[in-house]
Each structure stands twice: as C-alpha cells, then as structure tokens.
Amino acid sequence: MYLAGLDVGTTGCKAAIFDESGFLISTAGREYAVDIPQPNWVEQDAELLWRLVQGALREAISKASIRTLASVGLSVQGEAVMPVDEKGRAIRPAILGMDSRTSEQNAWLRQRFGARHLFKRTGMPIHTVNTLPKLLWLKQYEQEVWACADRFLLFEDFLINKMAGQAVISRCLASRTQIFDLLDDRWSPEILEALELEPNRLATVKPSGTAVDSMKSDLAKSLGLTNTPLVVTGGHDQACGALGVGLVRAGLAMDSTGTAEVVEVGLDAPVLNETLYQGDISVYAHVIPDLYLAMALNHSGGLVLRWFRDTFGQEEMQEAQAGDSDAYDLLLRDASPDPTSLLLLPDFAGSGTPAFDTGSKGAILGLTFSTEKSELAKAILEGLTFELRLNLDLLKDGGIEIDELRAIGGGARSNLWLQLKADICGVPVVVPAITEAASRGAALLAGAAAGHFSSAAEAAEKKLLFGRRFDPDLKRKALYDERFDLYREVYPALKSIHHRM
C-alpha cells in the first residue's frame, strides 16, 4: 500500500509518496509565483496552481514506479481565499495570507466585535493575514464577484473539490480563518450574520483525517493510476508539519525555519487567556483529535539571512558554486560561538508575534569599523533567535510549558544556529531525521483514513527517529541572557522612528 502527501505552500508544492512503513519513496515539486498587482496586494492563480499540483503528483507517482495509491492527504498554506463558481473553478485570483490590503476591514471588525471578543471565540488575533477581513474586502470592493460566487474556498477545500467533487475543509484549516468558533466547533453564526454570508457558501467542515470520497476516475487515470485513491482532509501546513515531527501531545514544540519562522506548541485545550491575546498568539485546532496548537510567527525568518547572502555574499556564493559548498556556511565560517557585539532587529517585513507591528523595520545596532561580515551574519542568527525567545517566554507566561524544540526546515541544517537556539532559549533542540515533515503528516492522516494505522498520532511517534540534539551551554546562556535584556529594549526604542520613516 502506498500513501501520498501533498504539501501546497505559498511559492511551491511538493508531492511525496510513502510506503506502508512510512518510508519515503519519491518526491516531486513545482514552483509558482505570487502576483503583486498593487502595493500590499498578494495574489495567486489558483487554477495554475492546481495544474502544477497535478504535475508534481504525476511525477512523484511515476518516479515511485507505482500504479496504485491507497489515499492522498493534503497539507496547505493557510488563510488564502478565493471565490469559485458552481463547478469549483476560481473566478478571480486567490488572496493570499501575506496580503495586507485589509486594514480598513480590520478596523471595522474591531468596532463591530472587539479584538478581544474575536480572539476569545476564534483563537485568532485581528490581523491582515486572516481570511475574514479578506472576505469583507471582496464584499465591499468586488460586489459582482461577491454576488456571483458559488462558494468561497481556501486551498484545501479547493483542491479536495477538484479531486473528489466535494468542497470539504479540515477543522484545522477552518479554525485559522477567524470565522470558525473554537468553543462551539462550527462556523460562527454571529460572524456569518455580520458578513451577510450563508454557511452553505463555505465548505463543509470535517475532522482532519476524514476520507471525503474517492478521487475522480478521469483524474486518477491522468495521474497514471489504475485505482481511485481516497482523498483525505489534512490541514494547515504547519499543523501537518507538527504531526510529521511527532508533536502529538501537550508540551512538545516545533520550530520551523524557512522563509518565515513558525513555532507550534501542543495544547490539551484552547488557551485563550489575556497573555496570549496581548501577544497576538493564534490558537487553533491541531490535525490530531482533542489537541490544539498555539502558533507564534516571525515573518522574516530565514529570509533575512537570504537577503544578506544575496546582497553582500556574492563572493561566498561564487566560492560555494565552484567548490560544491554552502554559501551560508562560508559566510559564518569565522563566526565566534560567543555573542557578537551587535544587536539586529529582524523586522524586515514588519514584526511577527508578539508585537505584530507591520510598521516596524529592520535595524542593526553597534556597528564599528572593526565589524566583519561573519559577525553581521552571526548577528542575524542572534536577532532571529532573540525573537524566538521572546515568543517562547510569552508562551510560558501564558501558562504553556515547553519541554523541547523539534527543529525542521532549512534552518535545521545549521548546527551553529541550532546550538544558538538552545543557548539563547534555554531548552534542548532536537532534529527529527526526516526531510518532508508536512507531507509526511498529510500522508499519515491519509493512511489512518484508509485504515492502515489505528491513528495518525500513533503512527507519527512509532516511525519517528531523531538525529542531532543540542543542549544549552550554561556559560553561553548566561552571556546571551545579558544580551537578551538589551535586545528587549531595541523594538520599543525604535518603534516611533520606524513608524515615521
């Protein structure tokens, strides 16, 4: 028996085929663009994305030399929304999560509901990332689209509808829209009434790991299959990644460092207290039954290091290409394990949690004529990790204990960065010996729906192996504690200046 996990992100998708033991057989991916037709607008051609998803899945199946699949699960980018017609075809580009055109709509939501009330019911802080203000924007500015759309779908239900002919969304992804009532476990009648939107114009909500239906026979044939596999609900990509690294009980945490850096912490129940509200932490349903996730976010993440490499690391990039090495490693090869003399605020795309300040900007403090390139590169890692500690400390203040960080993503390849995270945050950091956490999580949900596993959670732990482990160095932790006290003063000191720039 073979399982497929589809991981559909913001700039690319990946299809992964696993065997019944959870061993990765093959992968295939496709990249695609985001469109920025106006400042603050970020959109995507959903129909093009669907064609590329099919191409990735077809290639992965071919590379695995298989003709049958038991089931397919989905891991998808969050919050993006698109109107579709009665045949499930997108009638305008999807508005992505990173789109920030909705400040006006968020102001209306604050007045209509109150930010605290929305958080207490939906687990989502008011922010431009959410689906709810995007729908309000469509209703206000594209009235013809609003009126003629049959449904408004996110990428999970959009793709499930394409594959199985039913618009079904996981409870996990629905709970990231700011329209889903976490306490009543349904689309919120109160919010839908204010939106003047009938619930049948949204997808049907089902638990993650639910078999929706068999794949359409013509689609299965076009993918090279002789059977019609089950199409299974998955969830938000970060939640699927959390399952993929065995985050199946409270107290475990995942640190995913890619373009952005995301922390997910397992909860036994929704934690919707004042501390998390003030810190703009989102709380939503996990893909595992009776578990929830608290999510902290740094928009910049590894993108700051990439900016530094592309802007100042041309020499290292050429050396890496000539010698088959890594440009990031070359930039950091002379970096000291001890703290730098710099403080870097990594808000190059505004700040994530806990400030959620879209007007904040990046800054480097402490530059002198003795500052070297490797020190700047190390300062980027320090600044990003100080932001990580801000969020972990906030979660602890909110009553959420964190025993261990499981690191995935591109940042997990750097031993220097992983040790830095352990030293600054004071918690052990471990690296699961897997490379496709999100698609693995989606495939485990698919396998449980097909009856192969008793539960996705049990399968996740049973097959999980760990590679490297990094424990805090107490001497360096004491040094970084002093630097962190200084770092906490940087954002408040620069906030007014950045907002006036």
Protein backbone atom coordinates (compact mmCIF):
# COMPACT_ATOMS: atom_id res chain seq x y z
CA MET A 1 0.00 0.00 0.00
CA TYR A 2 1.25 3.47 -0.88
CA LEU A 3 0.24 6.86 0.53
CA ALA A 4 0.63 10.34 -0.92
CA GLY A 5 1.12 13.58 0.97
CA LEU A 6 0.63 16.83 -0.92
CA ASP A 7 2.28 19.88 0.61
CA VAL A 8 0.94 23.01 -1.11
CA GLY A 9 2.76 26.12 0.06
CA THR A 10 2.85 29.76 -0.96
CA THR A 11 5.58 29.55 -3.59
CA GLY A 12 5.75 25.84 -4.35
CA CYS A 13 4.14 22.46 -3.94
CA LYS A 14 5.62 19.04 -3.28
CA ALA A 15 4.12 15.59 -3.70
CA ALA A 16 5.65 12.78 -1.65
CA ILE A 17 4.96 9.05 -1.90
CA PHE A 18 5.40 6.87 1.19
CA ASP A 19 5.17 3.11 1.59
CA GLU A 20 3.12 1.39 4.30
CA SER A 21 6.02 1.55 6.76
CA GLY A 22 6.26 5.32 6.37
CA PHE A 23 9.42 5.17 4.27
CA LEU A 24 9.75 7.98 1.73
CA ILE A 25 9.74 6.54 -1.80
CA SER A 26 9.77 9.59 -4.05
CA THR A 27 9.13 13.31 -4.21
CA ALA A 28 8.45 15.83 -6.93
CA GLY A 29 7.86 19.54 -6.73
CA ARG A 30 6.79 22.57 -8.69
CA GLU A 31 7.44 26.25 -8.08
CA TYR A 32 4.99 29.05 -8.83
CA ALA A 33 4.84 32.79 -8.47
CA VAL A 34 2.90 35.16 -6.31
CA ASP A 35 1.47 38.23 -8.02
CA ILE A 36 1.63 41.74 -6.56
CA PRO A 37 -0.75 43.77 -8.77
CA GLN A 38 -0.77 46.69 -6.31
CA PRO A 39 1.14 47.65 -3.17
CA ASN A 40 0.08 45.41 -0.25
CA TRP A 41 -1.78 43.02 -2.58
CA VAL A 42 -0.50 39.44 -2.87
CA GLU A 43 -2.48 37.09 -5.11
CA GLN A 44 -2.10 33.75 -6.88
CA ASP A 45 -3.59 31.99 -9.88
CA ALA A 46 -5.39 29.07 -8.20
CA GLU A 47 -6.13 27.23 -11.45
CA LEU A 48 -2.46 27.35 -12.46
CA LEU A 49 -1.53 26.08 -9.01
CA TRP A 50 -3.94 23.17 -9.46
CA ARG A 51 -2.31 22.22 -12.75
CA LEU A 52 1.12 22.32 -11.14
CA VAL A 53 -0.07 20.22 -8.20
CA GLN A 54 -1.24 17.59 -10.69
CA GLY A 55 2.14 17.70 -12.41
CA ALA A 56 4.01 17.19 -9.14
CA LEU A 57 1.77 14.30 -8.12
CA ARG A 58 2.02 12.67 -11.53
CA GLU A 59 5.83 12.90 -11.46
CA ALA A 60 6.09 11.54 -7.92
CA ILE A 61 3.90 8.56 -8.85
CA SER A 62 5.99 7.91 -11.95
CA LYS A 63 9.28 8.16 -10.04
CA ALA A 64 7.96 5.69 -7.45
CA SER A 65 7.07 3.23 -10.25
CA ILE A 66 3.67 2.52 -8.74
CA ARG A 67 0.21 2.20 -10.26
CA THR A 68 -1.99 2.36 -7.17
CA LEU A 69 -2.40 4.64 -4.19
CA ALA A 70 -4.49 3.93 -1.12
CA SER A 71 -5.11 7.57 -0.23
CA VAL A 72 -3.98 11.17 -0.64
CA GLY A 73 -3.76 13.74 2.19
CA LEU A 74 -3.24 17.49 1.94
CA SER A 75 -1.07 19.99 3.78
CA VAL A 76 -1.78 23.54 2.60
CA GLN A 77 -0.91 27.18 3.10
CA GLY A 78 -3.28 28.95 5.46
CA GLU A 79 -5.77 31.81 5.26
CA ALA A 80 -5.71 32.32 1.46
CA VAL A 81 -9.21 32.52 -0.03
CA MET A 82 -10.76 32.52 -3.48
CA PRO A 83 -14.31 32.72 -4.88
CA VAL A 84 -15.31 29.81 -7.15
CA ASP A 85 -18.20 29.07 -9.49
CA GLU A 86 -20.60 26.14 -9.22
CA LYS A 87 -18.03 23.87 -10.90
CA GLY A 88 -15.33 24.79 -8.41
CA ARG A 89 -13.36 26.99 -10.81
CA ALA A 90 -11.71 30.07 -9.36
CA ILE A 91 -13.32 33.23 -10.76
CA ARG A 92 -10.57 35.55 -9.52
CA PRO A 93 -7.06 35.04 -8.13
CA ALA A 94 -6.72 33.80 -4.58
CA ILE A 95 -5.93 36.46 -1.98
CA LEU A 96 -3.00 35.06 -0.01
CA GLY A 97 -2.35 35.14 3.70
CA MET A 98 0.55 37.60 3.32
CA ASP A 99 -1.73 40.08 1.53
CA SER A 100 -2.14 43.18 3.73
CA ARG A 101 -4.80 45.26 1.97
CA THR A 102 -7.38 44.81 4.75
CA SER A 103 -6.51 47.44 7.38
CA GLU A 104 -9.87 49.15 6.80
CA GLN A 105 -11.76 45.90 7.26
CA ASN A 106 -9.86 45.08 10.44
CA ALA A 107 -10.77 48.48 11.85
CA TRP A 108 -14.44 47.61 11.18
CA LEU A 109 -14.01 44.25 12.93
CA ARG A 110 -12.57 45.94 15.99
CA GLN A 111 -15.55 48.28 16.11
CA ARG A 112 -18.16 45.61 15.33
CA PHE A 113 -16.92 42.79 17.57
CA GLY A 114 -13.90 43.93 19.54
CA ALA A 115 -10.49 42.30 19.09
CA ARG A 116 -10.64 40.53 22.43
CA HIS A 117 -14.07 39.01 21.71
CA LEU A 118 -12.92 37.66 18.34
CA PHE A 119 -9.84 36.11 19.93
CA LYS A 120 -11.87 34.53 22.71
CA ARG A 121 -14.22 32.91 20.19
CA THR A 122 -11.97 32.13 17.23
CA GLY A 123 -8.46 31.98 18.70
CA MET A 124 -7.24 34.40 16.03
CA PRO A 125 -5.92 37.91 16.74
CA ILE A 126 -7.06 40.66 14.40
CA HIS A 127 -4.55 40.85 11.57
CA THR A 128 -4.40 41.24 7.81
CA VAL A 129 -3.37 37.58 7.49
CA ASN A 130 -6.86 36.29 8.36
CA THR A 131 -9.48 35.09 5.89
CA LEU A 132 -12.34 37.04 7.47
CA PRO A 133 -11.13 40.55 6.55
CA LYS A 134 -10.30 39.32 3.03
CA LEU A 135 -13.92 38.25 2.58
CA LEU A 136 -15.07 41.63 3.89
CA TRP A 137 -12.82 43.31 1.32
CA LEU A 138 -14.31 41.24 -1.51
CA LYS A 139 -17.82 42.08 -0.34
CA GLN A 140 -17.02 45.78 -0.23
CA TYR A 141 -14.89 46.25 -3.34
CA GLU A 142 -15.80 43.41 -5.73
CA GLN A 143 -19.54 43.27 -5.32
CA GLU A 144 -20.15 41.46 -8.62
CA VAL A 145 -17.69 38.72 -7.68
CA TRP A 146 -19.23 38.50 -4.22
CA ALA A 147 -22.72 38.13 -5.64
CA CYS A 148 -21.99 35.56 -8.35
CA ALA A 149 -19.54 33.34 -6.46
CA ASP A 150 -20.99 29.95 -5.59
CA ARG A 151 -18.58 29.43 -2.69
CA PHE A 152 -15.52 30.95 -1.05
CA LEU A 153 -12.82 28.32 -0.57
CA LEU A 154 -9.33 28.02 0.85
CA PHE A 155 -6.73 25.90 -0.89
CA GLU A 156 -7.52 22.66 0.94
CA ASP A 157 -11.23 22.60 0.09
CA PHE A 158 -10.46 23.99 -3.38
CA LEU A 159 -8.13 21.07 -4.14
CA ILE A 160 -10.33 18.44 -2.48
CA ASN A 161 -13.22 19.69 -4.61
CA LYS A 162 -11.04 19.36 -7.71
CA MET A 163 -10.01 15.82 -6.77
CA ALA A 164 -13.17 14.38 -5.22
CA GLY A 165 -16.01 16.70 -6.27
CA GLN A 166 -16.88 17.88 -2.74
CA ALA A 167 -15.93 21.14 -1.04
CA VAL A 168 -14.70 19.89 2.35
CA ILE A 169 -12.25 21.64 4.65
CA SER A 170 -10.49 20.28 7.71
CA ARG A 171 -11.43 21.61 11.12
CA CYS A 172 -7.76 22.52 11.46
CA LEU A 173 -7.65 24.88 8.49
CA ALA A 174 -11.17 26.23 9.09
CA SER A 175 -10.05 27.29 12.57
CA ARG A 176 -7.40 29.56 11.03
CA THR A 177 -9.93 31.70 9.14
CA GLN A 178 -11.25 33.81 12.09
CA ILE A 179 -14.74 32.65 11.04
CA PHE A 180 -14.73 29.36 12.98
CA ASP A 181 -15.93 29.32 16.58
CA LEU A 182 -13.42 27.20 18.52
CA LEU A 183 -15.71 26.81 21.51
CA ASP A 184 -18.89 25.85 19.60
CA ASP A 185 -16.90 23.89 16.97
CA ARG A 186 -18.63 25.32 13.89
CA TRP A 187 -18.69 28.26 11.51
CA SER A 188 -19.71 31.16 13.74
CA PRO A 189 -23.34 32.22 13.13
CA GLU A 190 -22.54 35.57 14.73
CA ILE A 191 -19.70 36.31 12.33
CA LEU A 192 -21.52 34.95 9.27
CA GLU A 193 -24.51 37.14 10.06
CA ALA A 194 -22.31 40.23 10.24
CA LEU A 195 -20.64 39.19 7.00
CA GLU A 196 -24.06 38.53 5.42
CA LEU A 197 -22.78 35.18 4.19
CA GLU A 198 -24.78 31.97 4.18
CA PRO A 199 -22.90 29.00 5.66
CA ASN A 200 -23.53 26.92 2.51
CA ARG A 201 -21.24 29.33 0.65
CA LEU A 202 -18.34 27.97 2.70
CA ALA A 203 -17.01 24.42 2.67
CA THR A 204 -18.29 21.64 4.90
CA VAL A 205 -16.04 21.22 7.96
CA LYS A 206 -14.75 17.73 8.79
CA PRO A 207 -12.02 16.49 11.16
CA SER A 208 -8.53 16.10 9.75
CA GLY A 209 -8.00 12.56 8.50
CA THR A 210 -11.54 12.19 7.13
CA ALA A 211 -11.96 10.29 3.85
CA VAL A 212 -14.06 12.64 1.71
CA ASP A 213 -14.56 10.38 -1.31
CA SER A 214 -12.65 8.50 -3.96
CA MET A 215 -10.65 10.51 -6.47
CA LYS A 216 -12.40 11.24 -9.76
CA SER A 217 -11.64 8.37 -12.12
CA ASP A 218 -10.52 10.54 -15.04
CA LEU A 219 -8.12 12.43 -12.79
CA ALA A 220 -6.70 9.22 -11.32
CA LYS A 221 -6.14 7.85 -14.82
CA SER A 222 -4.39 11.06 -15.92
CA LEU A 223 -2.02 10.69 -12.96
CA GLY A 224 -1.03 7.20 -14.06
CA LEU A 225 -3.11 5.28 -11.50
CA THR A 226 -5.22 2.19 -12.09
CA ASN A 227 -7.33 2.75 -8.97
CA THR A 228 -9.14 5.72 -7.42
CA PRO A 229 -7.49 6.54 -4.08
CA LEU A 230 -9.32 8.11 -1.18
CA VAL A 231 -9.00 11.88 -0.90
CA VAL A 232 -8.50 12.79 2.75
CA THR A 233 -8.69 16.02 4.73
CA GLY A 234 -5.37 17.22 6.10
CA GLY A 235 -4.87 20.71 7.42
CA HIS A 236 -2.71 23.78 7.76
CA ASP A 237 0.83 23.11 6.57
CA GLN A 238 2.37 23.99 9.92
CA ALA A 239 -0.01 21.65 11.76
CA CYS A 240 0.75 18.83 9.33
CA GLY A 241 4.44 19.50 9.83
CA ALA A 242 3.89 19.33 13.58
CA LEU A 243 2.29 15.90 13.19
CA GLY A 244 5.12 14.85 10.90
CA VAL A 245 7.68 15.51 13.66
CA GLY A 246 5.60 13.76 16.31
CA LEU A 247 4.06 16.77 18.03
CA VAL A 248 1.11 14.75 19.33
CA ARG A 249 0.87 15.81 22.97
CA ALA A 250 0.96 18.96 25.04
CA GLY A 251 4.38 20.36 25.98
CA LEU A 252 6.11 19.50 22.71
CA ALA A 253 7.01 22.31 20.34
CA MET A 254 8.12 22.58 16.72
CA ASP A 255 10.36 25.32 15.38
CA SER A 256 10.06 25.53 11.61
CA THR A 257 12.59 27.85 9.99
CA GLY A 258 12.16 28.58 6.31
CA THR A 259 11.22 31.84 4.64
CA ALA A 260 9.39 32.61 7.88
CA GLU A 261 9.96 31.09 11.30
CA VAL A 262 6.97 29.44 12.97
CA VAL A 263 6.69 27.93 16.43
CA GLU A 264 3.86 25.47 17.14
CA VAL A 265 3.17 24.23 20.68
CA GLY A 266 0.77 21.39 21.51
CA LEU A 267 -2.15 22.17 23.87
CA ASP A 268 -4.69 19.92 25.59
CA ALA A 269 -7.37 22.62 25.23
CA PRO A 270 -7.64 26.09 23.69
CA VAL A 271 -5.63 28.56 25.79
CA LEU A 272 -7.31 31.92 25.21
CA ASN A 273 -6.02 33.97 28.12
CA GLU A 274 -5.06 37.63 28.29
CA THR A 275 -1.32 36.97 27.98
CA LEU A 276 -1.70 35.19 24.65
CA TYR A 277 -4.22 37.78 23.48
CA GLN A 278 -1.80 40.62 24.25
CA GLY A 279 0.97 38.70 22.47
CA ASP A 280 -1.12 38.14 19.31
CA ILE A 281 -0.62 34.38 19.50
CA SER A 282 -3.04 32.40 17.35
CA VAL A 283 -4.67 29.28 18.80
CA TYR A 284 -6.32 26.73 16.54
CA ALA A 285 -7.28 23.09 16.15
CA HIS A 286 -4.49 20.57 15.57
CA VAL A 287 -4.88 17.83 12.97
CA ILE A 288 -4.93 15.41 15.94
CA PRO A 289 -8.31 15.00 17.71
CA ASP A 290 -8.65 16.82 21.06
CA LEU A 291 -5.40 18.72 20.63
CA TYR A 292 -4.82 22.36 19.79
CA LEU A 293 -1.86 24.46 18.73
CA ALA A 294 -0.55 27.83 19.80
CA MET A 295 1.37 29.47 16.98
CA ALA A 296 3.99 32.20 17.12
CA LEU A 297 5.34 33.74 13.93
CA ASN A 298 8.33 35.70 12.68
CA HIS A 299 7.57 36.86 9.13
CA SER A 300 11.21 37.36 8.21
CA GLY A 301 12.81 34.15 9.43
CA GLY A 302 15.43 32.76 7.10
CA LEU A 303 14.56 35.40 4.51
CA VAL A 304 16.76 37.91 6.36
CA LEU A 305 19.77 35.60 6.05
CA ARG A 306 18.95 35.07 2.37
CA TRP A 307 18.79 38.85 1.85
CA PHE A 308 22.23 39.18 3.44
CA ARG A 309 23.65 36.40 1.29
CA ASP A 310 22.23 37.80 -1.95
CA THR A 311 23.20 41.39 -1.16
CA PHE A 312 26.61 41.01 0.48
CA GLY A 313 27.64 37.41 -0.15
CA GLN A 314 28.38 37.33 -3.87
CA GLU A 315 31.96 36.20 -3.21
CA GLU A 316 30.77 33.34 -0.98
CA MET A 317 28.10 32.34 -3.49
CA GLN A 318 30.72 32.08 -6.24
CA GLU A 319 33.07 30.13 -3.98
CA ALA A 320 30.26 27.80 -2.96
CA GLN A 321 29.31 27.15 -6.57
CA ALA A 322 32.91 26.45 -7.55
CA GLY A 323 33.63 24.19 -4.58
CA ASP A 324 30.26 22.49 -4.09
CA SER A 325 29.82 24.02 -0.62
CA ASP A 326 27.16 26.16 1.03
CA ALA A 327 27.30 29.96 0.86
CA TYR A 328 25.66 30.32 4.27
CA ASP A 329 28.31 28.14 5.86
CA LEU A 330 31.02 30.21 4.20
CA LEU A 331 29.50 33.46 5.47
CA LEU A 332 29.51 32.08 9.01
CA ARG A 333 32.77 30.10 8.94
CA ASP A 334 34.70 32.68 11.02
CA ALA A 335 31.84 33.39 13.44
CA SER A 336 32.56 33.04 17.16
CA PRO A 337 30.32 30.78 19.25
CA ASP A 338 30.09 33.61 21.80
CA PRO A 339 27.75 36.61 21.47
CA THR A 340 28.57 39.29 18.88
CA SER A 341 28.85 42.96 19.80
CA LEU A 342 25.84 43.74 17.57
CA LEU A 343 22.08 43.76 18.03
CA LEU A 344 19.95 43.13 14.95
CA LEU A 345 16.20 43.70 14.80
CA PRO A 346 14.99 41.32 12.05
CA ASP A 347 11.73 43.15 11.23
CA PHE A 348 12.50 43.45 7.51
CA ALA A 349 8.84 42.64 6.69
CA GLY A 350 7.37 44.10 9.85
CA SER A 351 7.31 42.20 13.12
CA GLY A 352 5.51 38.98 13.83
CA THR A 353 4.36 37.96 17.27
CA PRO A 354 4.31 39.27 19.90
CA ALA A 355 4.19 42.86 18.53
CA PHE A 356 2.51 42.13 15.15
CA ASP A 357 3.62 45.58 14.00
CA THR A 358 3.51 45.90 10.22
CA GLY A 359 5.18 49.32 10.52
CA SER A 360 8.33 48.03 12.20
CA LYS A 361 11.54 47.75 10.18
CA GLY A 362 14.91 46.09 10.43
CA ALA A 363 17.84 47.66 12.26
CA ILE A 364 21.48 46.89 13.10
CA LEU A 365 22.95 48.46 16.23
CA GLY A 366 26.58 48.53 17.37
CA LEU A 367 28.39 48.82 14.03
CA THR A 368 32.03 49.94 14.14
CA PHE A 369 34.95 49.91 11.71
CA SER A 370 36.01 46.61 13.22
CA THR A 371 32.71 44.87 12.31
CA GLU A 372 33.28 41.99 9.90
CA LYS A 373 30.96 40.20 7.52
CA SER A 374 30.87 36.99 9.57
CA GLU A 375 29.87 39.00 12.66
CA LEU A 376 26.98 40.55 10.75
CA ALA A 377 25.87 37.13 9.56
CA LYS A 378 26.02 35.77 13.12
CA ALA A 379 24.11 38.83 14.39
CA ILE A 380 21.27 37.93 12.02
CA LEU A 381 21.04 34.49 13.61
CA GLU A 382 21.14 36.06 17.06
CA GLY A 383 18.39 38.56 16.25
CA LEU A 384 16.14 35.89 14.82
CA THR A 385 16.77 33.69 17.86
CA PHE A 386 16.11 36.55 20.30
CA GLU A 387 12.72 36.90 18.59
CA LEU A 388 12.20 33.17 19.08
CA ARG A 389 12.94 33.55 22.79
CA LEU A 390 10.51 36.49 23.07
CA ASN A 391 7.78 34.20 21.82
CA LEU A 392 8.76 31.21 23.93
CA ASP A 393 8.87 33.40 27.04
CA LEU A 394 5.44 34.80 26.18
CA LEU A 395 4.00 31.30 25.81
CA LYS A 396 5.47 30.31 29.18
CA ASP A 397 3.99 33.45 30.77
CA GLY A 398 0.66 32.33 29.32
CA GLY A 399 0.88 29.01 31.13
CA ILE A 400 2.20 26.93 28.23
CA GLU A 401 5.17 24.77 29.19
CA ILE A 402 7.73 23.88 26.55
CA ASP A 403 9.99 20.92 27.25
CA GLU A 404 11.75 20.57 23.92
CA LEU A 405 12.02 22.19 20.49
CA ARG A 406 11.87 19.97 17.41
CA ALA A 407 13.57 21.84 14.60
CA ILE A 408 12.67 21.46 10.94
CA GLY A 409 13.12 23.50 7.77
CA GLY A 410 16.19 24.99 6.15
CA GLY A 411 17.42 26.44 9.46
CA ALA A 412 17.68 22.93 10.91
CA ARG A 413 20.66 22.24 8.64
CA SER A 414 22.88 24.65 10.58
CA ASN A 415 24.50 23.22 13.71
CA LEU A 416 25.64 26.71 14.65
CA TRP A 417 22.09 28.07 14.55
CA LEU A 418 20.62 25.08 16.40
CA GLN A 419 23.14 25.40 19.23
CA LEU A 420 22.41 29.12 19.32
CA LYS A 421 18.69 28.38 19.77
CA ALA A 422 19.46 26.03 22.66
CA ASP A 423 21.79 28.56 24.31
CA ILE A 424 19.54 31.60 23.94
CA CYS A 425 16.20 29.90 24.67
CA GLY A 426 17.47 27.52 27.37
CA VAL A 427 15.68 24.43 26.02
CA PRO A 428 17.01 21.32 24.28
CA VAL A 429 16.73 21.40 20.49
CA VAL A 430 16.42 18.11 18.58
CA VAL A 431 16.31 17.44 14.86
CA PRO A 432 13.97 14.71 13.60
CA ALA A 433 15.62 12.50 11.00
CA ILE A 434 13.04 13.38 8.34
CA THR A 435 13.08 15.81 5.47
CA GLU A 436 9.41 16.08 4.50
CA ALA A 437 7.55 16.81 7.74
CA ALA A 438 4.43 18.46 6.27
CA SER A 439 3.89 15.91 3.50
CA ARG A 440 4.62 13.11 5.99
CA GLY A 441 1.93 14.47 8.31
CA ALA A 442 -0.54 14.63 5.43
CA ALA A 443 0.33 11.06 4.39
CA LEU A 444 -0.11 9.77 7.95
CA LEU A 445 -3.60 11.30 8.04
CA ALA A 446 -4.29 9.67 4.69
CA GLY A 447 -3.07 6.30 5.97
CA ALA A 448 -5.27 6.48 9.07
CA ALA A 449 -8.30 7.32 6.92
CA ALA A 450 -7.55 4.30 4.73
CA GLY A 451 -7.49 2.07 7.83
CA HIS A 452 -3.78 1.32 7.68
CA PHE A 453 -2.97 2.98 11.01
CA SER A 454 -5.06 2.92 14.16
CA SER A 455 -4.35 6.64 14.40
CA ALA A 456 -2.12 9.18 12.71
CA ALA A 457 -0.70 10.21 16.10
CA GLU A 458 0.39 6.67 16.94
CA ALA A 459 1.95 6.23 13.51
CA ALA A 460 3.79 9.55 13.82
CA GLU A 461 5.54 8.53 17.04
CA LYS A 462 6.14 4.93 16.03
CA LYS A 463 8.11 5.77 12.93
CA LEU A 464 9.90 8.87 14.19
CA LEU A 465 13.68 8.91 14.57
CA PHE A 466 15.85 11.75 15.83
CA GLY A 467 19.27 12.75 14.64
CA ARG A 468 21.17 15.63 16.25
CA ARG A 469 20.49 17.02 19.73
CA PHE A 470 21.68 20.35 21.16
CA ASP A 471 21.57 21.07 24.89
CA PRO A 472 22.06 24.57 26.29
CA ASP A 473 25.62 25.56 27.15
CA LEU A 474 25.11 27.18 30.56
CA LYS A 475 28.09 29.53 30.25
CA ARG A 476 27.00 30.88 26.87
CA LYS A 477 23.39 31.02 28.05
CA ALA A 478 24.42 33.40 30.85
CA LEU A 479 26.20 35.64 28.32
CA TYR A 480 23.20 35.60 25.99
CA ASP A 481 20.82 36.37 28.87
CA GLU A 482 22.65 39.69 29.27
CA ARG A 483 22.42 40.41 25.52
CA PHE A 484 18.73 39.47 25.51
CA ASP A 485 18.00 42.05 28.20
CA LEU A 486 19.46 44.69 25.87
CA TYR A 487 17.66 43.27 22.83
CA ARG A 488 14.27 43.62 24.52
CA GLU A 489 14.82 47.41 24.56
CA VAL A 490 15.51 47.70 20.81
CA TYR A 491 11.99 47.46 19.34
CA PRO A 492 10.35 49.86 21.85
CA ALA A 493 13.18 52.37 21.36
CA LEU A 494 12.89 52.33 17.55
CA LYS A 495 9.12 51.92 17.15
CA SER A 496 8.27 55.61 16.85
CA ILE A 497 11.18 56.30 14.48
CA HIS A 498 10.26 53.39 12.21
CA HIS A 499 6.63 54.46 12.08
CA ARG A 500 7.67 57.93 10.97
CA MET A 501 10.04 56.70 8.24
